[in-house]
Amino acid sequence: MFQLWVQSRNLCEHRAQGQLHTEVTWYLLPLFGWLAENWDPLFHEHRLPEPIEITSARPAYLQGLRATLGDSGPRVEHRVEAWQRW
């Protein structure tokens, strides 16, 4: 069983078949594996990105694509759509 509390709220609390459940019952090994893989980004702060001077949203969007996927243009936008669907 698993409970996740954030700011004194149980995020796992739910109702099923008219009964209140305060935990989720499931296989925990995949959850612990995911936590182990993502420990650093979840629990450690990273340096904020450098400020950029861009006058509109489109160039900022394309600059973000270049930063994460290494290129810009329609080809990269197609890759981003596939990435976001995942």
C-alpha atoms as a PDB file:
ATOM      1  CA  MET A   1       0.000   0.000   0.000  1.00  0.00           C
ATOM      2  CA  PHE A   2       1.172   3.517  -0.762  1.00  0.00           C
ATOM      3  CA  GLN A   3       0.202   6.991   0.455  1.00  0.00           C
ATOM      4  CA  LEU A   4       1.547  10.269  -0.878  1.00  0.00           C
ATOM      5  CA  TRP A   5       1.124  13.373   1.261  1.00  0.00           C
ATOM      6  CA  VAL A   6       1.727  16.930   0.030  1.00  0.00           C
ATOM      7  CA  GLN A   7       1.132  19.900   2.331  1.00  0.00           C
ATOM      8  CA  SER A   8      -0.973  17.795   4.717  1.00  0.00           C
ATOM      9  CA  ARG A   9      -3.148  16.361   1.923  1.00  0.00           C
ATOM     10  CA  ASN A  10      -3.287  12.686   1.032  1.00  0.00           C
ATOM     11  CA  LEU A  11      -3.083  12.549  -2.759  1.00  0.00           C
ATOM     12  CA  CYS A  12      -3.962   8.842  -2.767  1.00  0.00           C
ATOM     13  CA  GLU A  13      -7.287   9.196  -0.954  1.00  0.00           C
ATOM     14  CA  HIS A  14     -10.192   8.092  -3.140  1.00  0.00           C
ATOM     15  CA  ARG A  15     -13.615   6.457  -3.128  1.00  0.00           C
ATOM     16  CA  ALA A  16     -14.254   3.125  -4.805  1.00  0.00           C
ATOM     17  CA  GLN A  17     -17.553   1.240  -4.650  1.00  0.00           C
ATOM     18  CA  GLY A  18     -18.818   3.654  -2.002  1.00  0.00           C
ATOM     19  CA  GLN A  19     -15.888   3.125   0.377  1.00  0.00           C
ATOM     20  CA  LEU A  20     -13.210   5.630   1.315  1.00  0.00           C
ATOM     21  CA  HIS A  21      -9.639   4.413   0.736  1.00  0.00           C
ATOM     22  CA  THR A  22      -6.665   6.324   2.113  1.00  0.00           C
ATOM     23  CA  GLU A  23      -4.027   4.455   0.142  1.00  0.00           C
ATOM     24  CA  VAL A  24      -3.365   2.916  -3.237  1.00  0.00           C
ATOM     25  CA  THR A  25      -2.705  -0.806  -3.349  1.00  0.00           C
ATOM     26  CA  TRP A  26      -0.539  -1.894  -6.263  1.00  0.00           C
ATOM     27  CA  TYR A  27       2.849  -3.355  -7.134  1.00  0.00           C
ATOM     28  CA  LEU A  28       5.378  -1.013  -5.530  1.00  0.00           C
ATOM     29  CA  LEU A  29       8.574  -2.225  -7.214  1.00  0.00           C
ATOM     30  CA  PRO A  30       7.976  -0.153 -10.405  1.00  0.00           C
ATOM     31  CA  LEU A  31       7.251   2.909  -8.256  1.00  0.00           C
ATOM     32  CA  PHE A  32      10.467   2.482  -6.286  1.00  0.00           C
ATOM     33  CA  GLY A  33      12.412   1.917  -9.516  1.00  0.00           C
ATOM     34  CA  TRP A  34      10.999   5.147 -10.957  1.00  0.00           C
ATOM     35  CA  LEU A  35      11.871   7.043  -7.761  1.00  0.00           C
ATOM     36  CA  ALA A  36      15.434   5.695  -7.875  1.00  0.00           C
ATOM     37  CA  GLU A  37      15.841   6.781 -11.522  1.00  0.00           C
ATOM     38  CA  ASN A  38      14.383  10.250 -10.945  1.00  0.00           C
ATOM     39  CA  TRP A  39      15.765  10.986  -7.493  1.00  0.00           C
ATOM     40  CA  ASP A  40      18.024  13.876  -8.536  1.00  0.00           C
ATOM     41  CA  PRO A  41      15.496  15.891 -10.578  1.00  0.00           C
ATOM     42  CA  LEU A  42      12.777  15.345  -7.967  1.00  0.00           C
ATOM     43  CA  PHE A  43      14.679  16.167  -4.801  1.00  0.00           C
ATOM     44  CA  HIS A  44      17.554  18.444  -5.815  1.00  0.00           C
ATOM     45  CA  GLU A  45      17.412  21.993  -7.036  1.00  0.00           C
ATOM     46  CA  HIS A  46      18.985  22.940 -10.328  1.00  0.00           C
ATOM     47  CA  ARG A  47      20.371  26.228 -11.505  1.00  0.00           C
ATOM     48  CA  LEU A  48      17.744  28.431 -13.124  1.00  0.00           C
ATOM     49  CA  PRO A  49      18.082  28.914 -16.896  1.00  0.00           C
ATOM     50  CA  GLU A  50      19.917  31.946 -18.176  1.00  0.00           C
ATOM     51  CA  PRO A  51      17.622  34.873 -19.001  1.00  0.00           C
ATOM     52  CA  ILE A  52      16.874  35.312 -22.682  1.00  0.00           C
ATOM     53  CA  GLU A  53      15.903  38.394 -24.611  1.00  0.00           C
ATOM     54  CA  ILE A  54      13.220  37.392 -27.094  1.00  0.00           C
ATOM     55  CA  THR A  55      10.382  39.631 -28.204  1.00  0.00           C
ATOM     56  CA  SER A  56       7.710  37.054 -29.077  1.00  0.00           C
ATOM     57  CA  ALA A  57       6.595  33.562 -28.140  1.00  0.00           C
ATOM     58  CA  ARG A  58       7.493  31.810 -31.426  1.00  0.00           C
ATOM     59  CA  PRO A  59      11.267  32.468 -31.267  1.00  0.00           C
ATOM     60  CA  ALA A  60      11.242  31.546 -27.563  1.00  0.00           C
ATOM     61  CA  TYR A  61       9.473  28.272 -28.403  1.00  0.00           C
ATOM     62  CA  LEU A  62      11.988  27.440 -31.140  1.00  0.00           C
ATOM     63  CA  GLN A  63      14.906  28.307 -28.865  1.00  0.00           C
ATOM     64  CA  GLY A  64      13.482  25.926 -26.279  1.00  0.00           C
ATOM     65  CA  LEU A  65      13.264  23.205 -28.923  1.00  0.00           C
ATOM     66  CA  ARG A  66      16.872  23.761 -29.886  1.00  0.00           C
ATOM     67  CA  ALA A  67      17.908  23.573 -26.238  1.00  0.00           C
ATOM     68  CA  THR A  68      16.100  20.285 -25.636  1.00  0.00           C
ATOM     69  CA  LEU A  69      16.214  18.575 -29.035  1.00  0.00           C
ATOM     70  CA  GLY A  70      19.176  20.197 -30.727  1.00  0.00           C
ATOM     71  CA  ASP A  71      17.546  21.762 -33.819  1.00  0.00           C
ATOM     72  CA  SER A  72      14.650  23.921 -34.996  1.00  0.00           C
ATOM     73  CA  GLY A  73      12.136  24.012 -37.788  1.00  0.00           C
ATOM     74  CA  PRO A  74       9.252  21.796 -38.936  1.00  0.00           C
ATOM     75  CA  ARG A  75      11.256  18.582 -38.539  1.00  0.00           C
ATOM     76  CA  VAL A  76      11.912  19.288 -34.869  1.00  0.00           C
ATOM     77  CA  GLU A  77       8.351  20.442 -34.248  1.00  0.00           C
ATOM     78  CA  HIS A  78       7.199  17.034 -35.523  1.00  0.00           C
ATOM     79  CA  ARG A  79       9.635  15.339 -33.106  1.00  0.00           C
ATOM     80  CA  VAL A  80       8.326  17.507 -30.266  1.00  0.00           C
ATOM     81  CA  GLU A  81       4.746  16.500 -30.997  1.00  0.00           C
ATOM     82  CA  ALA A  82       5.749  12.822 -30.789  1.00  0.00           C
ATOM     83  CA  TRP A  83       7.738  13.537 -27.609  1.00  0.00           C
ATOM     84  CA  GLN A  84       4.794  15.308 -25.974  1.00  0.00           C
ATOM     85  CA  ARG A  85       2.356  12.533 -26.957  1.00  0.00           C
ATOM     86  CA  TRP A  86       4.645  10.096 -25.110  1.00  0.00           C
END
